[in-house]
Structures are given as C-alpha cells and as structure tokens.
Amino acid sequence: RRETVMVNGVKYLKLECVGQGGTCKVYKVLCPKRKTYALKRIKTQGREKETIDGFMDEIRLLQGLRGRDNIIQLIDAESCRSEGLIYV
C-alpha cells in the first residue's frame, strides 16, 4: 500500500522518491485529478529561523511568478508547524 500526503486538504499519492538533500525529499506524486507532480517535503525541525524564512521566501517568489513561461509552476504549498514540515 502506498503512502499519501495531504497538502491544504488535497490528498496526493506518493509514487516514488525522486531526490533528496540535507533538508528535503522530492516525491513523484499523483493528485486526485490523475495528474503527476513533484512534491518537495522540507523538514524544519532543528533548523534556524533564517533557513525556514528562506524556504517561505521561495514559496512567495514562486507564487508571484505563476503563469510565467519557463518557470516551474507552484501548484500548492503548506507549512505544517506542528509536524515540522513544509510541503511545496
């Protein structure tokens, strides 16, 4: 059975891990409309405030660039402070 992850009330099915780094993992996921996306899961626990602020700035920047050609499109993002995770 495959894992699911919720982002702002939308359930995504994790298909596979396609990359990882020191603070995050990137998963290939399937949304309810049967579209495939990349989902970045960022661990914030134990990170400095400046590092977390940098991740949030990245989200704001991508939100501002929505609809632009040659820019990866941000579908959704959620900060789960209680879990110590950010989903992008």
Protein backbone atom coordinates (compact mmCIF):
# COMPACT_ATOMS: atom_id res chain seq x y z
CA ARG A 1 0.00 0.00 0.00
CA ARG A 2 1.35 3.42 -0.97
CA GLU A 3 1.57 6.40 1.35
CA THR A 4 -0.48 9.54 0.90
CA VAL A 5 0.22 13.10 1.94
CA MET A 6 -2.27 15.94 2.46
CA VAL A 7 -1.50 19.47 1.31
CA ASN A 8 -4.19 22.05 2.07
CA GLY A 9 -6.85 19.33 2.18
CA VAL A 10 -5.82 17.67 -1.12
CA LYS A 11 -4.63 14.08 -0.88
CA TYR A 12 -1.63 13.13 -3.02
CA LEU A 13 -0.45 9.56 -3.56
CA LYS A 14 3.32 9.13 -3.23
CA LEU A 15 4.61 7.15 -6.20
CA GLU A 16 8.36 7.29 -5.58
CA CYS A 17 11.16 9.37 -4.09
CA VAL A 18 12.97 11.09 -6.97
CA GLY A 19 15.56 13.05 -4.98
CA GLN A 20 16.74 14.11 -1.57
CA GLY A 21 19.11 16.51 0.12
CA GLY A 22 20.02 17.60 3.61
CA THR A 23 16.68 19.17 4.48
CA CYS A 24 14.24 17.79 1.94
CA LYS A 25 12.97 14.93 -0.15
CA VAL A 26 11.23 15.23 -3.51
CA TYR A 27 8.49 12.78 -4.39
CA LYS A 28 6.67 11.98 -7.60
CA VAL A 29 3.01 12.19 -6.58
CA LEU A 30 -0.39 11.67 -8.16
CA CYS A 31 -3.22 14.12 -7.44
CA PRO A 32 -6.94 13.25 -7.35
CA LYS A 33 -7.34 14.52 -10.94
CA ARG A 34 -4.76 11.88 -12.02
CA LYS A 35 -2.03 14.45 -12.79
CA THR A 36 1.56 13.73 -11.77
CA TYR A 37 3.54 16.35 -9.87
CA ALA A 38 6.75 16.75 -7.91
CA LEU A 39 6.22 17.37 -4.19
CA LYS A 40 9.04 18.72 -2.05
CA ARG A 41 8.85 17.83 1.66
CA ILE A 42 11.10 20.10 3.74
CA LYS A 43 11.98 19.26 7.35
CA THR A 44 12.07 22.37 9.51
CA GLN A 45 12.74 20.77 12.90
CA GLY A 46 16.13 21.80 14.23
CA ARG A 47 16.60 24.44 11.51
CA GLU A 48 17.41 28.07 12.21
CA LYS A 49 14.70 30.67 11.71
CA GLU A 50 16.65 32.23 8.82
CA THR A 51 16.70 28.90 6.98
CA ILE A 52 12.94 28.43 7.39
CA ASP A 53 12.37 32.05 6.30
CA GLY A 54 14.36 31.27 3.14
CA PHE A 55 12.03 28.38 2.29
CA MET A 56 8.99 30.60 2.85
CA ASP A 57 10.55 33.31 0.64
CA GLU A 58 10.97 30.69 -2.11
CA ILE A 59 7.26 29.89 -1.89
CA ARG A 60 6.30 33.58 -2.08
CA LEU A 61 8.60 34.08 -5.08
CA LEU A 62 7.10 31.10 -6.93
CA GLN A 63 3.58 32.35 -6.13
CA GLY A 64 4.49 35.70 -7.70
CA LEU A 65 5.85 34.01 -10.83
CA ARG A 66 2.76 31.89 -11.52
CA GLY A 67 1.79 31.80 -15.18
CA ARG A 68 5.21 32.90 -16.45
CA ASP A 69 6.83 30.93 -19.25
CA ASN A 70 9.95 28.89 -18.44
CA ILE A 71 9.24 28.92 -14.68
CA ILE A 72 8.33 25.79 -12.76
CA GLN A 73 4.74 26.33 -11.65
CA LEU A 74 3.85 26.16 -7.97
CA ILE A 75 0.63 24.18 -7.60
CA ASP A 76 0.27 24.50 -3.82
CA ALA A 77 2.25 24.88 -0.60
CA GLU A 78 1.57 24.38 3.10
CA SER A 79 3.58 24.92 6.26
CA CYS A 80 2.78 22.34 8.97
CA ARG A 81 4.47 23.77 12.05
CA SER A 82 3.13 21.05 14.34
CA GLU A 83 4.77 18.39 12.13
CA GLY A 84 7.87 20.47 11.45
CA LEU A 85 7.30 20.19 7.69
CA ILE A 86 6.76 22.41 4.68
CA TYR A 87 5.20 20.95 1.53
CA VAL A 88 5.82 22.63 -1.85
